[in-house]
Amino acid sequence: MEVKKKKILFIEDEPDQRMIIRFRLEKSGYSVMMAEDGEEGLKKAAMEKPDLILLDIIMPGIDGLEVCRRLRKNPKTASIPVITTTAAGIDDLEQQCLSAGADDCVRKPYEAEDLLAKVKKFLKK
């Protein structure tokens, strides 16, 4: 019997980041969907119901904090674990992410292994 791959939605506006992280996640056995901005991410999250969402905070249009708040308000996406990623140097950003409903926050530049460890932690639950 074939094991169903866990689906991850990666919402990130930087093409290089999307390519690198997608490669690492797929190499680790995950199915990865991409969204280039918050609007697209919200639509894909509701339609595809991924097992986990990686969400960049600094994006054009709707920022990641607002995307996270909307994910939590939507019954279709409210229970999906969200890990936020950011390069912003704001001191209390982790707290802002958690207050918006994120399950965890990772600062860029991050080590791929650290990110994968957090992904694995949430997908084991």
PDB file of N, CA and C in Angstrom:
ATOM      1  N   MET A   1       0.833  -1.183   0.000  1.00  0.00           N
ATOM      2  CA  MET A   1       0.000   0.000   0.000  1.00  0.00           C
ATOM      3  C   MET A   1       0.887   1.260   0.000  1.00  0.00           C
ATOM      4  N   GLU A   2       0.558   2.177  -0.866  1.00  0.00           N
ATOM      5  CA  GLU A   2       1.365   3.392  -0.998  1.00  0.00           C
ATOM      6  C   GLU A   2       1.039   4.377   0.127  1.00  0.00           C
ATOM      7  N   VAL A   3       2.084   4.932   0.724  1.00  0.00           N
ATOM      8  CA  VAL A   3       1.908   5.926   1.776  1.00  0.00           C
ATOM      9  C   VAL A   3       1.615   7.272   1.119  1.00  0.00           C
ATOM     10  N   LYS A   4       0.569   7.941   1.595  1.00  0.00           N
ATOM     11  CA  LYS A   4       0.198   9.238   1.046  1.00  0.00           C
ATOM     12  C   LYS A   4       1.178  10.295   1.557  1.00  0.00           C
ATOM     13  N   LYS A   5       1.751  11.054   0.632  1.00  0.00           N
ATOM     14  CA  LYS A   5       2.680  12.118   1.011  1.00  0.00           C
ATOM     15  C   LYS A   5       1.925  13.245   1.697  1.00  0.00           C
ATOM     16  N   LYS A   6       2.552  13.799   2.721  1.00  0.00           N
ATOM     17  CA  LYS A   6       1.984  14.966   3.398  1.00  0.00           C
ATOM     18  C   LYS A   6       2.122  16.168   2.475  1.00  0.00           C
ATOM     19  N   LYS A   7       1.059  16.988   2.407  1.00  0.00           N
ATOM     20  CA  LYS A   7       1.043  18.170   1.543  1.00  0.00           C
ATOM     21  C   LYS A   7       1.417  19.422   2.324  1.00  0.00           C
ATOM     22  N   ILE A   8       2.353  20.169   1.764  1.00  0.00           N
ATOM     23  CA  ILE A   8       2.771  21.442   2.360  1.00  0.00           C
ATOM     24  C   ILE A   8       2.500  22.555   1.356  1.00  0.00           C
ATOM     25  N   LEU A   9       1.878  23.617   1.834  1.00  0.00           N
ATOM     26  CA  LEU A   9       1.685  24.815   1.023  1.00  0.00           C
ATOM     27  C   LEU A   9       2.735  25.826   1.464  1.00  0.00           C
ATOM     28  N   PHE A  10       3.555  26.281   0.519  1.00  0.00           N
ATOM     29  CA  PHE A  10       4.602  27.262   0.803  1.00  0.00           C
ATOM     30  C   PHE A  10       4.196  28.577   0.158  1.00  0.00           C
ATOM     31  N   ILE A  11       3.889  29.574   0.993  1.00  0.00           N
ATOM     32  CA  ILE A  11       3.476  30.897   0.518  1.00  0.00           C
ATOM     33  C   ILE A  11       4.674  31.825   0.680  1.00  0.00           C
ATOM     34  N   GLU A  12       5.282  32.184  -0.456  1.00  0.00           N
ATOM     35  CA  GLU A  12       6.553  32.932  -0.460  1.00  0.00           C
ATOM     36  C   GLU A  12       6.646  33.718  -1.754  1.00  0.00           C
ATOM     37  N   ASP A  13       6.992  35.013  -1.651  1.00  0.00           N
ATOM     38  CA  ASP A  13       7.076  35.846  -2.851  1.00  0.00           C
ATOM     39  C   ASP A  13       8.441  35.806  -3.533  1.00  0.00           C
ATOM     40  N   GLU A  14       9.481  35.311  -2.875  1.00  0.00           N
ATOM     41  CA  GLU A  14      10.824  35.284  -3.452  1.00  0.00           C
ATOM     42  C   GLU A  14      11.049  33.986  -4.250  1.00  0.00           C
ATOM     43  N   PRO A  15      11.251  34.083  -5.575  1.00  0.00           N
ATOM     44  CA  PRO A  15      11.429  32.886  -6.404  1.00  0.00           C
ATOM     45  C   PRO A  15      12.577  31.970  -5.959  1.00  0.00           C
ATOM     46  N   ASP A  16      13.706  32.553  -5.541  1.00  0.00           N
ATOM     47  CA  ASP A  16      14.836  31.722  -5.106  1.00  0.00           C
ATOM     48  C   ASP A  16      14.481  30.911  -3.867  1.00  0.00           C
ATOM     49  N   GLN A  17      13.814  31.543  -2.917  1.00  0.00           N
ATOM     50  CA  GLN A  17      13.399  30.841  -1.702  1.00  0.00           C
ATOM     51  C   GLN A  17      12.430  29.711  -2.045  1.00  0.00           C
ATOM     52  N   ARG A  18      11.466  30.010  -2.927  1.00  0.00           N
ATOM     53  CA  ARG A  18      10.497  28.967  -3.324  1.00  0.00           C
ATOM     54  C   ARG A  18      11.213  27.765  -3.919  1.00  0.00           C
ATOM     55  N   MET A  19      12.160  28.016  -4.793  1.00  0.00           N
ATOM     56  CA  MET A  19      12.868  26.931  -5.468  1.00  0.00           C
ATOM     57  C   MET A  19      13.694  26.102  -4.475  1.00  0.00           C
ATOM     58  N   ILE A  20      14.467  26.763  -3.630  1.00  0.00           N
ATOM     59  CA  ILE A  20      15.357  26.062  -2.694  1.00  0.00           C
ATOM     60  C   ILE A  20      14.562  25.233  -1.689  1.00  0.00           C
ATOM     61  N   ILE A  21      13.577  25.852  -1.062  1.00  0.00           N
ATOM     62  CA  ILE A  21      12.817  25.155  -0.023  1.00  0.00           C
ATOM     63  C   ILE A  21      11.943  24.061  -0.631  1.00  0.00           C
ATOM     64  N   ARG A  22      11.376  24.319  -1.792  1.00  0.00           N
ATOM     65  CA  ARG A  22      10.581  23.271  -2.456  1.00  0.00           C
ATOM     66  C   ARG A  22      11.445  22.037  -2.707  1.00  0.00           C
ATOM     67  N   PHE A  23      12.646  22.261  -3.225  1.00  0.00           N
ATOM     68  CA  PHE A  23      13.567  21.151  -3.499  1.00  0.00           C
ATOM     69  C   PHE A  23      13.840  20.355  -2.225  1.00  0.00           C
ATOM     70  N   ARG A  24      14.163  21.061  -1.127  1.00  0.00           N
ATOM     71  CA  ARG A  24      14.483  20.381   0.135  1.00  0.00           C
ATOM     72  C   ARG A  24      13.288  19.600   0.675  1.00  0.00           C
ATOM     73  N   LEU A  25      12.112  20.199   0.597  1.00  0.00           N
ATOM     74  CA  LEU A  25      10.913  19.528   1.111  1.00  0.00           C
ATOM     75  C   LEU A  25      10.565  18.297   0.267  1.00  0.00           C
ATOM     76  N   GLU A  26      10.633  18.442  -1.057  1.00  0.00           N
ATOM     77  CA  GLU A  26      10.326  17.301  -1.930  1.00  0.00           C
ATOM     78  C   GLU A  26      11.355  16.187  -1.752  1.00  0.00           C
ATOM     79  N   LYS A  27      12.610  16.569  -1.576  1.00  0.00           N
ATOM     80  CA  LYS A  27      13.670  15.584  -1.346  1.00  0.00           C
ATOM     81  C   LYS A  27      13.419  14.823  -0.036  1.00  0.00           C
ATOM     82  N   SER A  28      12.752  15.479   0.903  1.00  0.00           N
ATOM     83  CA  SER A  28      12.426  14.851   2.191  1.00  0.00           C
ATOM     84  C   SER A  28      11.113  14.070   2.143  1.00  0.00           C
ATOM     85  N   GLY A  29      10.497  13.995   0.966  1.00  0.00           N
ATOM     86  CA  GLY A  29       9.313  13.154   0.796  1.00  0.00           C
ATOM     87  C   GLY A  29       7.968  13.849   0.905  1.00  0.00           C
ATOM     88  N   TYR A  30       7.955  15.167   0.891  1.00  0.00           N
ATOM     89  CA  TYR A  30       6.699  15.897   0.984  1.00  0.00           C
ATOM     90  C   TYR A  30       6.215  16.327  -0.395  1.00  0.00           C
ATOM     91  N   SER A  31       4.914  16.475  -0.532  1.00  0.00           N
ATOM     92  CA  SER A  31       4.310  17.046  -1.722  1.00  0.00           C
ATOM     93  C   SER A  31       4.188  18.547  -1.453  1.00  0.00           C
ATOM     94  N   VAL A  32       4.679  19.386  -2.372  1.00  0.00           N
ATOM     95  CA  VAL A  32       4.736  20.825  -2.118  1.00  0.00           C
ATOM     96  C   VAL A  32       3.922  21.597  -3.159  1.00  0.00           C
ATOM     97  N   MET A  33       3.052  22.463  -2.661  1.00  0.00           N
ATOM     98  CA  MET A  33       2.307  23.400  -3.502  1.00  0.00           C
ATOM     99  C   MET A  33       2.863  24.784  -3.220  1.00  0.00           C
ATOM    100  N   MET A  34       2.844  25.630  -4.219  1.00  0.00           N
ATOM    101  CA  MET A  34       3.409  26.965  -4.064  1.00  0.00           C
ATOM    102  C   MET A  34       2.342  28.043  -4.269  1.00  0.00           C
ATOM    103  N   ALA A  35       2.532  29.151  -3.568  1.00  0.00           N
ATOM    104  CA  ALA A  35       1.734  30.354  -3.787  1.00  0.00           C
ATOM    105  C   ALA A  35       2.694  31.537  -3.703  1.00  0.00           C
ATOM    106  N   GLU A  36       2.528  32.495  -4.612  1.00  0.00           N
ATOM    107  CA  GLU A  36       3.443  33.632  -4.703  1.00  0.00           C
ATOM    108  C   GLU A  36       3.025  34.825  -3.860  1.00  0.00           C
ATOM    109  N   ASP A  37       1.792  34.817  -3.345  1.00  0.00           N
ATOM    110  CA  ASP A  37       1.341  35.928  -2.504  1.00  0.00           C
ATOM    111  C   ASP A  37       0.228  35.448  -1.588  1.00  0.00           C
ATOM    112  N   GLY A  38      -0.200  36.341  -0.707  1.00  0.00           N
ATOM    113  CA  GLY A  38      -1.201  35.992   0.285  1.00  0.00           C
ATOM    114  C   GLY A  38      -2.545  35.594  -0.288  1.00  0.00           C
ATOM    115  N   GLU A  39      -3.029  36.324  -1.295  1.00  0.00           N
ATOM    116  CA  GLU A  39      -4.329  36.009  -1.915  1.00  0.00           C
ATOM    117  C   GLU A  39      -4.321  34.596  -2.483  1.00  0.00           C
ATOM    118  N   GLU A  40      -3.294  34.297  -3.270  1.00  0.00           N
ATOM    119  CA  GLU A  40      -3.179  32.973  -3.876  1.00  0.00           C
ATOM    120  C   GLU A  40      -3.057  31.903  -2.779  1.00  0.00           C
ATOM    121  N   GLY A  41      -2.300  32.208  -1.742  1.00  0.00           N
ATOM    122  CA  GLY A  41      -2.117  31.268  -0.640  1.00  0.00           C
ATOM    123  C   GLY A  41      -3.417  30.944   0.071  1.00  0.00           C
ATOM    124  N   LEU A  42      -4.222  31.969   0.333  1.00  0.00           N
ATOM    125  CA  LEU A  42      -5.506  31.753   1.002  1.00  0.00           C
ATOM    126  C   LEU A  42      -6.425  30.871   0.153  1.00  0.00           C
ATOM    127  N   LYS A  43      -6.465  31.129  -1.149  1.00  0.00           N
ATOM    128  CA  LYS A  43      -7.308  30.321  -2.056  1.00  0.00           C
ATOM    129  C   LYS A  43      -6.842  28.870  -2.081  1.00  0.00           C
ATOM    130  N   LYS A  44      -5.533  28.663  -2.241  1.00  0.00           N
ATOM    131  CA  LYS A  44      -5.007  27.297  -2.302  1.00  0.00           C
ATOM    132  C   LYS A  44      -5.205  26.557  -0.986  1.00  0.00           C
ATOM    133  N   ALA A  45      -5.038  27.261   0.128  1.00  0.00           N
ATOM    134  CA  ALA A  45      -5.204  26.628   1.436  1.00  0.00           C
ATOM    135  C   ALA A  45      -6.631  26.108   1.599  1.00  0.00           C
ATOM    136  N   ALA A  46      -7.605  26.911   1.210  1.00  0.00           N
ATOM    137  CA  ALA A  46      -9.008  26.511   1.350  1.00  0.00           C
ATOM    138  C   ALA A  46      -9.371  25.384   0.383  1.00  0.00           C
ATOM    139  N   MET A  47      -8.848  25.426  -0.831  1.00  0.00           N
ATOM    140  CA  MET A  47      -9.170  24.400  -1.840  1.00  0.00           C
ATOM    141  C   MET A  47      -8.439  23.088  -1.598  1.00  0.00           C
ATOM    142  N   GLU A  48      -7.144  23.170  -1.314  1.00  0.00           N
ATOM    143  CA  GLU A  48      -6.298  21.977  -1.249  1.00  0.00           C
ATOM    144  C   GLU A  48      -6.201  21.358   0.143  1.00  0.00           C
ATOM    145  N   LYS A  49      -6.489  22.138   1.177  1.00  0.00           N
ATOM    146  CA  LYS A  49      -6.374  21.698   2.576  1.00  0.00           C
ATOM    147  C   LYS A  49      -5.056  20.966   2.846  1.00  0.00           C
ATOM    148  N   PRO A  50      -3.942  21.694   2.769  1.00  0.00           N
ATOM    149  CA  PRO A  50      -2.632  21.065   3.016  1.00  0.00           C
ATOM    150  C   PRO A  50      -2.498  20.608   4.469  1.00  0.00           C
ATOM    151  N   ASP A  51      -1.500  19.763   4.718  1.00  0.00           N
ATOM    152  CA  ASP A  51      -1.244  19.280   6.071  1.00  0.00           C
ATOM    153  C   ASP A  51      -0.476  20.307   6.901  1.00  0.00           C
ATOM    154  N   LEU A  52       0.203  21.242   6.206  1.00  0.00           N
ATOM    155  CA  LEU A  52       0.992  22.274   6.880  1.00  0.00           C
ATOM    156  C   LEU A  52       1.184  23.443   5.924  1.00  0.00           C
ATOM    157  N   ILE A  53       1.294  24.641   6.483  1.00  0.00           N
ATOM    158  CA  ILE A  53       1.542  25.842   5.669  1.00  0.00           C
ATOM    159  C   ILE A  53       2.810  26.515   6.164  1.00  0.00           C
ATOM    160  N   LEU A  54       3.732  26.779   5.227  1.00  0.00           N
ATOM    161  CA  LEU A  54       4.906  27.622   5.486  1.00  0.00           C
ATOM    162  C   LEU A  54       4.550  28.981   4.915  1.00  0.00           C
ATOM    163  N   LEU A  55       4.636  30.006   5.734  1.00  0.00           N
ATOM    164  CA  LEU A  55       4.104  31.309   5.360  1.00  0.00           C
ATOM    165  C   LEU A  55       5.123  32.415   5.592  1.00  0.00           C
ATOM    166  N   ASP A  56       5.517  33.084   4.504  1.00  0.00           N
ATOM    167  CA  ASP A  56       6.412  34.237   4.614  1.00  0.00           C
ATOM    168  C   ASP A  56       5.609  35.407   5.184  1.00  0.00           C
ATOM    169  N   ILE A  57       6.250  36.230   5.994  1.00  0.00           N
ATOM    170  CA  ILE A  57       5.564  37.369   6.605  1.00  0.00           C
ATOM    171  C   ILE A  57       5.593  38.599   5.708  1.00  0.00           C
ATOM    172  N   ILE A  58       6.764  38.949   5.173  1.00  0.00           N
ATOM    173  CA  ILE A  58       6.893  40.161   4.365  1.00  0.00           C
ATOM    174  C   ILE A  58       6.607  39.830   2.903  1.00  0.00           C
ATOM    175  N   MET A  59       5.404  40.208   2.455  1.00  0.00           N
ATOM    176  CA  MET A  59       4.986  39.964   1.068  1.00  0.00           C
ATOM    177  C   MET A  59       4.206  41.168   0.566  1.00  0.00           C
ATOM    178  N   PRO A  60       4.185  41.374  -0.756  1.00  0.00           N
ATOM    179  CA  PRO A  60       3.364  42.458  -1.306  1.00  0.00           C
ATOM    180  C   PRO A  60       1.885  42.119  -1.138  1.00  0.00           C
ATOM    181  N   GLY A  61       1.048  43.133  -1.081  1.00  0.00           N
ATOM    182  CA  GLY A  61      -0.388  42.884  -0.907  1.00  0.00           C
ATOM    183  C   GLY A  61      -0.670  42.530   0.548  1.00  0.00           C
ATOM    184  N   ILE A  62      -1.317  41.405   0.751  1.00  0.00           N
ATOM    185  CA  ILE A  62      -1.643  40.967   2.108  1.00  0.00           C
ATOM    186  C   ILE A  62      -0.390  40.371   2.737  1.00  0.00           C
ATOM    187  N   ASP A  63       0.033  40.903   3.892  1.00  0.00           N
ATOM    188  CA  ASP A  63       1.230  40.343   4.529  1.00  0.00           C
ATOM    189  C   ASP A  63       0.888  39.029   5.237  1.00  0.00           C
ATOM    190  N   GLY A  64       1.925  38.316   5.638  1.00  0.00           N
ATOM    191  CA  GLY A  64       1.753  36.997   6.232  1.00  0.00           C
ATOM    192  C   GLY A  64       0.975  37.002   7.534  1.00  0.00           C
ATOM    193  N   LEU A  65       1.095  38.070   8.323  1.00  0.00           N
ATOM    194  CA  LEU A  65       0.338  38.136   9.574  1.00  0.00           C
ATOM    195  C   LEU A  65      -1.163  38.154   9.296  1.00  0.00           C
ATOM    196  N   GLU A  66      -1.571  38.943   8.304  1.00  0.00           N
ATOM    197  CA  GLU A  66      -2.991  39.005   7.946  1.00  0.00           C
ATOM    198  C   GLU A  66      -3.449  37.681   7.322  1.00  0.00           C
ATOM    199  N   VAL A  67      -2.585  37.079   6.501  1.00  0.00           N
ATOM    200  CA  VAL A  67      -2.919  35.766   5.925  1.00  0.00           C
ATOM    201  C   VAL A  67      -3.161  34.770   7.052  1.00  0.00           C
ATOM    202  N   CYS A  68      -2.300  34.782   8.045  1.00  0.00           N
ATOM    203  CA  CYS A  68      -2.428  33.865   9.177  1.00  0.00           C
ATOM    204  C   CYS A  68      -3.744  34.095   9.921  1.00  0.00           C
ATOM    205  N   ARG A  69      -4.085  35.343  10.172  1.00  0.00           N
ATOM    206  CA  ARG A  69      -5.350  35.658  10.851  1.00  0.00           C
ATOM    207  C   ARG A  69      -6.540  35.125  10.055  1.00  0.00           C
ATOM    208  N   ARG A  70      -6.507  35.313   8.725  1.00  0.00           N
ATOM    209  CA  ARG A  70      -7.616  34.850   7.878  1.00  0.00           C
ATOM    210  C   ARG A  70      -7.684  33.321   7.821  1.00  0.00           C
ATOM    211  N   LEU A  71      -6.520  32.679   7.817  1.00  0.00           N
ATOM    212  CA  LEU A  71      -6.502  31.208   7.844  1.00  0.00           C
ATOM    213  C   LEU A  71      -7.182  30.700   9.108  1.00  0.00           C
ATOM    214  N   ARG A  72      -6.910  31.347  10.229  1.00  0.00           N
ATOM    215  CA  ARG A  72      -7.476  30.924  11.510  1.00  0.00           C
ATOM    216  C   ARG A  72      -8.981  31.184  11.601  1.00  0.00           C
ATOM    217  N   LYS A  73      -9.479  32.206  10.899  1.00  0.00           N
ATOM    218  CA  LYS A  73     -10.915  32.528  10.925  1.00  0.00           C
ATOM    219  C   LYS A  73     -11.734  31.603  10.025  1.00  0.00           C
ATOM    220  N   ASN A  74     -11.101  31.005   9.013  1.00  0.00           N
ATOM    221  CA  ASN A  74     -11.802  30.146   8.065  1.00  0.00           C
ATOM    222  C   ASN A  74     -11.887  28.721   8.630  1.00  0.00           C
ATOM    223  N   PRO A  75     -13.101  28.191   8.827  1.00  0.00           N
ATOM    224  CA  PRO A  75     -13.232  26.835   9.372  1.00  0.00           C
ATOM    225  C   PRO A  75     -12.512  25.762   8.541  1.00  0.00           C
ATOM    226  N   LYS A  76     -12.357  25.998   7.236  1.00  0.00           N
ATOM    227  CA  LYS A  76     -11.673  25.020   6.366  1.00  0.00           C
ATOM    228  C   LYS A  76     -10.167  24.963   6.632  1.00  0.00           C
ATOM    229  N   THR A  77      -9.597  26.057   7.144  1.00  0.00           N
ATOM    230  CA  THR A  77      -8.139  26.131   7.307  1.00  0.00           C
ATOM    231  C   THR A  77      -7.700  26.369   8.753  1.00  0.00           C
ATOM    232  N   ALA A  78      -8.638  26.546   9.662  1.00  0.00           N
ATOM    233  CA  ALA A  78      -8.320  26.943  11.035  1.00  0.00           C
ATOM    234  C   ALA A  78      -7.394  25.967  11.765  1.00  0.00           C
ATOM    235  N   SER A  79      -7.475  24.693  11.454  1.00  0.00           N
ATOM    236  CA  SER A  79      -6.684  23.707  12.210  1.00  0.00           C
ATOM    237  C   SER A  79      -5.371  23.314  11.529  1.00  0.00           C
ATOM    238  N   ILE A  80      -5.072  23.896  10.372  1.00  0.00           N
ATOM    239  CA  ILE A  80      -3.826  23.576   9.659  1.00  0.00           C
ATOM    240  C   ILE A  80      -2.655  24.253  10.378  1.00  0.00           C
ATOM    241  N   PRO A  81      -1.609  23.494  10.750  1.00  0.00           N
ATOM    242  CA  PRO A  81      -0.442  24.122  11.372  1.00  0.00           C
ATOM    243  C   PRO A  81       0.214  25.137  10.430  1.00  0.00           C
ATOM    244  N   VAL A  82       0.631  26.271  10.985  1.00  0.00           N
ATOM    245  CA  VAL A  82       1.278  27.327  10.202  1.00  0.00           C
ATOM    246  C   VAL A  82       2.632  27.650  10.839  1.00  0.00           C
ATOM    247  N   ILE A  83       3.681  27.580  10.015  1.00  0.00           N
ATOM    248  CA  ILE A  83       5.018  28.011  10.429  1.00  0.00           C
ATOM    249  C   ILE A  83       5.335  29.250   9.607  1.00  0.00           C
ATOM    250  N   THR A  84       5.544  30.370  10.278  1.00  0.00           N
ATOM    251  CA  THR A  84       5.884  31.600   9.574  1.00  0.00           C
ATOM    252  C   THR A  84       7.398  31.685   9.380  1.00  0.00           C
ATOM    253  N   THR A  85       7.797  32.338   8.291  1.00  0.00           N
ATOM    254  CA  THR A  85       9.215  32.562   8.005  1.00  0.00           C
ATOM    255  C   THR A  85       9.394  34.050   7.716  1.00  0.00           C
ATOM    256  N   THR A  86      10.494  34.614   8.207  1.00  0.00           N
ATOM    257  CA  THR A  86      10.706  36.038   7.967  1.00  0.00           C
ATOM    258  C   THR A  86      12.171  36.434   8.071  1.00  0.00           C
ATOM    259  N   ALA A  87      12.515  37.443   7.293  1.00  0.00           N
ATOM    260  CA  ALA A  87      13.849  38.029   7.367  1.00  0.00           C
ATOM    261  C   ALA A  87      13.798  39.358   8.113  1.00  0.00           C
ATOM    262  N   ALA A  88      12.611  39.780   8.506  1.00  0.00           N
ATOM    263  CA  ALA A  88      12.451  41.068   9.179  1.00  0.00           C
ATOM    264  C   ALA A  88      13.191  41.074  10.511  1.00  0.00           C
ATOM    265  N   GLY A  89      13.777  42.197  10.831  1.00  0.00           N
ATOM    266  CA  GLY A  89      14.554  42.315  12.051  1.00  0.00           C
ATOM    267  C   GLY A  89      13.770  42.893  13.217  1.00  0.00           C
ATOM    268  N   ILE A  90      12.462  42.766  13.199  1.00  0.00           N
ATOM    269  CA  ILE A  90      11.625  43.319  14.262  1.00  0.00           C
ATOM    270  C   ILE A  90      11.760  42.439  15.506  1.00  0.00           C
ATOM    271  N   ASP A  91      12.048  43.043  16.647  1.00  0.00           N
ATOM    272  CA  ASP A  91      12.320  42.298  17.877  1.00  0.00           C
ATOM    273  C   ASP A  91      11.206  41.359  18.310  1.00  0.00           C
ATOM    274  N   ASP A  92       9.979  41.841  18.317  1.00  0.00           N
ATOM    275  CA  ASP A  92       8.892  41.018  18.837  1.00  0.00           C
ATOM    276  C   ASP A  92       8.109  40.312  17.732  1.00  0.00           C
ATOM    277  N   LEU A  93       8.750  40.106  16.574  1.00  0.00           N
ATOM    278  CA  LEU A  93       8.027  39.520  15.446  1.00  0.00           C
ATOM    279  C   LEU A  93       7.526  38.109  15.737  1.00  0.00           C
ATOM    280  N   GLU A  94       8.320  37.313  16.445  1.00  0.00           N
ATOM    281  CA  GLU A  94       7.856  35.965  16.785  1.00  0.00           C
ATOM    282  C   GLU A  94       6.554  36.049  17.570  1.00  0.00           C
ATOM    283  N   GLN A  95       6.495  36.976  18.536  1.00  0.00           N
ATOM    284  CA  GLN A  95       5.280  37.140  19.331  1.00  0.00           C
ATOM    285  C   GLN A  95       4.117  37.601  18.458  1.00  0.00           C
ATOM    286  N   GLN A  96       4.379  38.503  17.512  1.00  0.00           N
ATOM    287  CA  GLN A  96       3.327  38.954  16.596  1.00  0.00           C
ATOM    288  C   GLN A  96       2.796  37.782  15.774  1.00  0.00           C
ATOM    289  N   CYS A  97       3.705  36.917  15.321  1.00  0.00           N
ATOM    290  CA  CYS A  97       3.300  35.743  14.527  1.00  0.00           C
ATOM    291  C   CYS A  97       2.421  34.812  15.355  1.00  0.00           C
ATOM    292  N   LEU A  98       2.844  34.541  16.577  1.00  0.00           N
ATOM    293  CA  LEU A  98       2.070  33.663  17.453  1.00  0.00           C
ATOM    294  C   LEU A  98       0.715  34.282  17.790  1.00  0.00           C
ATOM    295  N   SER A  99       0.688  35.584  17.993  1.00  0.00           N
ATOM    296  CA  SER A  99      -0.578  36.276  18.282  1.00  0.00           C
ATOM    297  C   SER A  99      -1.527  36.227  17.091  1.00  0.00           C
ATOM    298  N   ALA A 100      -0.970  36.199  15.885  1.00  0.00           N
ATOM    299  CA  ALA A 100      -1.793  36.125  14.673  1.00  0.00           C
ATOM    300  C   ALA A 100      -2.310  34.704  14.429  1.00  0.00           C
ATOM    301  N   GLY A 101      -1.783  33.735  15.202  1.00  0.00           N
ATOM    302  CA  GLY A 101      -2.272  32.368  15.067  1.00  0.00           C
ATOM    303  C   GLY A 101      -1.260  31.361  14.563  1.00  0.00           C
ATOM    304  N   ALA A 102      -0.028  31.795  14.315  1.00  0.00           N
ATOM    305  CA  ALA A 102       0.999  30.859  13.844  1.00  0.00           C
ATOM    306  C   ALA A 102       1.366  29.876  14.952  1.00  0.00           C
ATOM    307  N   ASP A 103       1.775  28.690  14.547  1.00  0.00           N
ATOM    308  CA  ASP A 103       2.202  27.664  15.499  1.00  0.00           C
ATOM    309  C   ASP A 103       3.685  27.803  15.840  1.00  0.00           C
ATOM    310  N   ASP A 104       4.451  28.390  14.918  1.00  0.00           N
ATOM    311  CA  ASP A 104       5.886  28.563  15.131  1.00  0.00           C
ATOM    312  C   ASP A 104       6.378  29.640  14.176  1.00  0.00           C
ATOM    313  N   CYS A 105       7.591  30.137  14.422  1.00  0.00           N
ATOM    314  CA  CYS A 105       8.176  31.181  13.590  1.00  0.00           C
ATOM    315  C   CYS A 105       9.657  30.861  13.383  1.00  0.00           C
ATOM    316  N   VAL A 106      10.126  30.984  12.148  1.00  0.00           N
ATOM    317  CA  VAL A 106      11.524  30.731  11.817  1.00  0.00           C
ATOM    318  C   VAL A 106      12.085  31.980  11.166  1.00  0.00           C
ATOM    319  N   ARG A 107      13.239  32.440  11.648  1.00  0.00           N
ATOM    320  CA  ARG A 107      13.890  33.625  11.069  1.00  0.00           C
ATOM    321  C   ARG A 107      14.800  33.231   9.916  1.00  0.00           C
ATOM    322  N   LYS A 108      14.762  34.046   8.859  1.00  0.00           N
ATOM    323  CA  LYS A 108      15.678  33.855   7.730  1.00  0.00           C
ATOM    324  C   LYS A 108      16.948  34.636   8.034  1.00  0.00           C
ATOM    325  N   PRO A 109      18.099  34.251   7.572  1.00  0.00           N
ATOM    326  CA  PRO A 109      18.314  32.996   6.841  1.00  0.00           C
ATOM    327  C   PRO A 109      18.276  31.830   7.812  1.00  0.00           C
ATOM    328  N   TYR A 110      17.544  30.801   7.454  1.00  0.00           N
ATOM    329  CA  TYR A 110      17.454  29.632   8.315  1.00  0.00           C
ATOM    330  C   TYR A 110      18.194  28.466   7.675  1.00  0.00           C
ATOM    331  N   GLU A 111      18.620  27.564   8.511  1.00  0.00           N
ATOM    332  CA  GLU A 111      19.234  26.340   8.023  1.00  0.00           C
ATOM    333  C   GLU A 111      18.105  25.422   7.570  1.00  0.00           C
ATOM    334  N   ALA A 112      18.252  24.822   6.410  1.00  0.00           N
ATOM    335  CA  ALA A 112      17.209  23.937   5.886  1.00  0.00           C
ATOM    336  C   ALA A 112      16.898  22.808   6.865  1.00  0.00           C
ATOM    337  N   GLU A 113      17.917  22.306   7.538  1.00  0.00           N
ATOM    338  CA  GLU A 113      17.705  21.208   8.497  1.00  0.00           C
ATOM    339  C   GLU A 113      16.840  21.651   9.673  1.00  0.00           C
ATOM    340  N   ASP A 114      17.031  22.877  10.143  1.00  0.00           N
ATOM    341  CA  ASP A 114      16.209  23.400  11.236  1.00  0.00           C
ATOM    342  C   ASP A 114      14.751  23.520  10.802  1.00  0.00           C
ATOM    343  N   LEU A 115      14.549  24.035   9.593  1.00  0.00           N
ATOM    344  CA  LEU A 115      13.192  24.172   9.066  1.00  0.00           C
ATOM    345  C   LEU A 115      12.546  22.797   8.913  1.00  0.00           C
ATOM    346  N   LEU A 116      13.290  21.846   8.353  1.00  0.00           N
ATOM    347  CA  LEU A 116      12.756  20.489   8.168  1.00  0.00           C
ATOM    348  C   LEU A 116      12.407  19.844   9.507  1.00  0.00           C
ATOM    349  N   ALA A 117      13.199  20.096  10.526  1.00  0.00           N
ATOM    350  CA  ALA A 117      12.909  19.532  11.855  1.00  0.00           C
ATOM    351  C   ALA A 117      11.582  20.070  12.381  1.00  0.00           C
ATOM    352  N   LYS A 118      11.326  21.360  12.179  1.00  0.00           N
ATOM    353  CA  LYS A 118      10.058  21.949  12.627  1.00  0.00           C
ATOM    354  C   LYS A 118       8.892  21.388  11.817  1.00  0.00           C
ATOM    355  N   VAL A 119       9.084  21.247  10.519  1.00  0.00           N
ATOM    356  CA  VAL A 119       8.040  20.677   9.659  1.00  0.00           C
ATOM    357  C   VAL A 119       7.696  19.269  10.142  1.00  0.00           C
ATOM    358  N   LYS A 120       8.723  18.446  10.358  1.00  0.00           N
ATOM    359  CA  LYS A 120       8.502  17.066  10.811  1.00  0.00           C
ATOM    360  C   LYS A 120       7.765  17.031  12.142  1.00  0.00           C
ATOM    361  N   LYS A 121       8.116  17.943  13.043  1.00  0.00           N
ATOM    362  CA  LYS A 121       7.484  17.997  14.366  1.00  0.00           C
ATOM    363  C   LYS A 121       5.976  18.204  14.230  1.00  0.00           C
ATOM    364  N   PHE A 122       5.574  19.126  13.378  1.00  0.00           N
ATOM    365  CA  PHE A 122       4.143  19.426  13.235  1.00  0.00           C
ATOM    366  C   PHE A 122       3.395  18.371  12.429  1.00  0.00           C
ATOM    367  N   LEU A 123       4.065  17.697  11.525  1.00  0.00           N
ATOM    368  CA  LEU A 123       3.383  16.702  10.704  1.00  0.00           C
ATOM    369  C   LEU A 123       3.272  15.339  11.395  1.00  0.00           C
ATOM    370  N   LYS A 124       3.942  15.167  12.511  1.00  0.00           N
ATOM    371  CA  LYS A 124       3.834  13.913  13.268  1.00  0.00           C
ATOM    372  C   LYS A 124       2.598  13.892  14.151  1.00  0.00           C
ATOM    373  N   LYS A 125       2.067  15.076  14.459  1.00  0.00           N
ATOM    374  CA  LYS A 125       0.928  15.175  15.378  1.00  0.00           C
ATOM    375  C   LYS A 125      -0.304  14.520  14.796  1.00  0.00           C
TER     376      LYS A 125
END
